C-alpha atoms as a PDB file:
ATOM      1  CA  UNK A   1      90.549   6.398  17.044  1.00  0.00           C
ATOM      2  CA  UNK A   2      89.060   9.478  18.670  1.00  0.00           C
ATOM      3  CA  UNK A   3      90.874  10.895  21.662  1.00  0.00           C
ATOM      4  CA  UNK A   4      89.650  13.595  24.044  1.00  0.00           C
ATOM      5  CA  UNK A   5      91.256  16.976  23.341  1.00  0.00           C
ATOM      6  CA  UNK A   6      91.286  17.782  27.085  1.00  0.00           C
ATOM      7  CA  UNK A   7      92.449  14.648  28.870  1.00  0.00           C
ATOM      8  CA  UNK A   8      93.725  12.441  26.017  1.00  0.00           C
ATOM      9  CA  UNK A   9      91.253   9.624  26.769  1.00  0.00           C
ATOM     10  CA  UNK A  10      91.043   7.181  23.840  1.00  0.00           C
ATOM     11  CA  UNK A  11      87.409   6.497  23.015  1.00  0.00           C
ATOM     12  CA  UNK A  12      86.379   2.908  22.483  1.00  0.00           C
ATOM     13  CA  UNK A  13      84.795   2.223  19.094  1.00  0.00           C
ATOM     14  CA  UNK A  14      81.384   1.764  20.715  1.00  0.00           C
ATOM     15  CA  UNK A  15      81.702   5.155  22.461  1.00  0.00           C
ATOM     16  CA  UNK A  16      82.875   6.903  19.280  1.00  0.00           C
ATOM     17  CA  UNK A  17      80.059   5.720  16.995  1.00  0.00           C
ATOM     18  CA  UNK A  18      77.413   8.237  18.222  1.00  0.00           C
ATOM     19  CA  UNK A  19      79.650  11.028  16.864  1.00  0.00           C
ATOM     20  CA  UNK A  20      79.075   9.598  13.370  1.00  0.00           C
ATOM     21  CA  UNK A  21      75.321   9.936  13.593  1.00  0.00           C
ATOM     22  CA  UNK A  22      75.150  13.638  14.403  1.00  0.00           C
ATOM     23  CA  UNK A  23      78.218  15.728  13.672  1.00  0.00           C
ATOM     24  CA  UNK A  24      76.851  19.063  14.882  1.00  0.00           C
ATOM     25  CA  UNK A  25      76.050  17.935  18.430  1.00  0.00           C
ATOM     26  CA  UNK A  26      78.910  17.593  20.860  1.00  0.00           C
ATOM     27  CA  UNK A  27      79.284  14.594  23.147  1.00  0.00           C
ATOM     28  CA  UNK A  28      80.766  14.400  26.626  1.00  0.00           C
ATOM     29  CA  UNK A  29      84.040  12.619  27.261  1.00  0.00           C
ATOM     30  CA  UNK A  30      83.368   9.552  29.442  1.00  0.00           C
ATOM     31  CA  UNK A  31      86.580  10.221  31.396  1.00  0.00           C
ATOM     32  CA  UNK A  32      86.616  13.955  32.178  1.00  0.00           C
ATOM     33  CA  UNK A  33      83.106  15.048  31.126  1.00  0.00           C
ATOM     34  CA  UNK A  34      84.340  17.804  28.785  1.00  0.00           C
ATOM     35  CA  UNK A  35      82.132  18.394  25.756  1.00  0.00           C
ATOM     36  CA  UNK A  36      83.851  17.220  22.557  1.00  0.00           C
ATOM     37  CA  UNK A  37      83.095  18.358  19.003  1.00  0.00           C
ATOM     38  CA  UNK A  38      84.456  17.538  15.570  1.00  0.00           C
ATOM     39  CA  UNK A  39      87.390  19.783  14.737  1.00  0.00           C
ATOM     40  CA  UNK A  40      87.034  22.213  11.826  1.00  0.00           C
ATOM     41  CA  UNK A  41      89.563  20.175   9.830  1.00  0.00           C
ATOM     42  CA  UNK A  42      87.473  17.033  10.371  1.00  0.00           C
ATOM     43  CA  UNK A  43      84.303  18.743   9.200  1.00  0.00           C
ATOM     44  CA  UNK A  44      86.153  19.912   6.078  1.00  0.00           C
ATOM     45  CA  UNK A  45      87.315  16.324   5.452  1.00  0.00           C
ATOM     46  CA  UNK A  46      83.711  15.205   5.769  1.00  0.00           C
ATOM     47  CA  UNK A  47      82.666  17.828   3.234  1.00  0.00           C
ATOM     48  CA  UNK A  48      85.338  16.611   0.795  1.00  0.00           C
ATOM     49  CA  UNK A  49      84.284  12.964   1.223  1.00  0.00           C
ATOM     50  CA  UNK A  50      80.695  13.991   0.499  1.00  0.00           C
ATOM     51  CA  UNK A  51      81.749  15.933  -2.590  1.00  0.00           C
ATOM     52  CA  UNK A  52      83.789  13.004  -3.950  1.00  0.00           C
ATOM     53  CA  UNK A  53      80.856  10.673  -3.266  1.00  0.00           C
ATOM     54  CA  UNK A  54      78.474  12.934  -5.150  1.00  0.00           C
ATOM     55  CA  UNK A  55      80.871  13.109  -8.102  1.00  0.00           C
ATOM     56  CA  UNK A  56      81.131   9.303  -8.186  1.00  0.00           C
ATOM     57  CA  UNK A  57      77.341   8.938  -8.081  1.00  0.00           C
ATOM     58  CA  UNK A  58      76.835  11.536 -10.821  1.00  0.00           C
ATOM     59  CA  UNK A  59      79.508   9.867 -12.957  1.00  0.00           C
ATOM     60  CA  UNK A  60      77.994   6.404 -12.477  1.00  0.00           C
ATOM     61  CA  UNK A  61      74.585   7.806 -13.394  1.00  0.00           C
ATOM     62  CA  UNK A  62      75.976   9.555 -16.494  1.00  0.00           C
ATOM     63  CA  UNK A  63      77.387   6.295 -17.889  1.00  0.00           C
ATOM     64  CA  UNK A  64      73.875   4.833 -17.695  1.00  0.00           C
ATOM     65  CA  UNK A  65      74.571   2.508 -14.809  1.00  0.00           C
ATOM     66  CA  UNK A  66      71.227   1.037 -13.691  1.00  0.00           C
ATOM     67  CA  UNK A  67      69.633   2.989 -10.832  1.00  0.00           C
ATOM     68  CA  UNK A  68      69.727   0.094  -8.310  1.00  0.00           C
ATOM     69  CA  UNK A  69      73.510  -0.059  -8.754  1.00  0.00           C
ATOM     70  CA  UNK A  70      73.793   3.683  -8.180  1.00  0.00           C
ATOM     71  CA  UNK A  71      71.816   3.304  -4.932  1.00  0.00           C
ATOM     72  CA  UNK A  72      73.998   0.342  -3.953  1.00  0.00           C
ATOM     73  CA  UNK A  73      77.181   2.369  -4.528  1.00  0.00           C
ATOM     74  CA  UNK A  74      75.763   5.277  -2.518  1.00  0.00           C
ATOM     75  CA  UNK A  75      74.749   2.966   0.339  1.00  0.00           C
ATOM     76  CA  UNK A  76      78.154   1.327   0.484  1.00  0.00           C
ATOM     77  CA  UNK A  77      79.920   4.709   0.501  1.00  0.00           C
ATOM     78  CA  UNK A  78      77.718   6.127   3.269  1.00  0.00           C
ATOM     79  CA  UNK A  79      78.088   2.970   5.366  1.00  0.00           C
ATOM     80  CA  UNK A  80      81.856   2.954   4.924  1.00  0.00           C
ATOM     81  CA  UNK A  81      82.126   6.599   5.934  1.00  0.00           C
ATOM     82  CA  UNK A  82      79.998   6.078   9.043  1.00  0.00           C
ATOM     83  CA  UNK A  83      81.970   3.008  10.108  1.00  0.00           C
ATOM     84  CA  UNK A  84      85.378   4.605   9.473  1.00  0.00           C
ATOM     85  CA  UNK A  85      84.582   7.991  11.053  1.00  0.00           C
ATOM     86  CA  UNK A  86      86.307   7.248  14.407  1.00  0.00           C
ATOM     87  CA  UNK A  87      89.545   6.411  12.585  1.00  0.00           C
ATOM     88  CA  UNK A  88      89.577   9.356  10.161  1.00  0.00           C
ATOM     89  CA  UNK A  89      88.348  12.377  12.116  1.00  0.00           C
ATOM     90  CA  UNK A  90      89.591  14.273  15.184  1.00  0.00           C
ATOM     91  CA  UNK A  91      87.886  15.922  18.138  1.00  0.00           C
ATOM     92  CA  UNK A  92      88.184  19.360  19.683  1.00  0.00           C
ATOM     93  CA  UNK A  93      87.051  20.594  23.097  1.00  0.00           C
ATOM     94  CA  UNK A  94      85.446  23.690  21.557  1.00  0.00           C
ATOM     95  CA  UNK A  95      83.180  24.151  18.569  1.00  0.00           C
ATOM     96  CA  UNK A  96      85.496  25.698  15.986  1.00  0.00           C
ATOM     97  CA  UNK A  97      84.239  27.870  13.123  1.00  0.00           C
ATOM     98  CA  UNK A  98      84.320  26.135   9.776  1.00  0.00           C
ATOM     99  CA  UNK A  99      86.270  28.860   7.943  1.00  0.00           C
END
């Protein structure tokens, strides 16, 4: 689960979900008020998950899987990533450069 990089506060799942919806905007820690952002490593992980998802969708489309199934696979993958974000990614108290 997310924890504040400044004070170590463990976010509740309900507090951590808004991070999933907009990765580029920082959110304030409910405990200390410090602005928190995704770490550069977390944004790279997100990029890799997206790349793997695109490869899976392209592969499923290339084996002539019906289009509704491709959309279903994509929807399940996006939903899973959004719901698991607080458990996979980390926060930083400063916006780090990607590279």
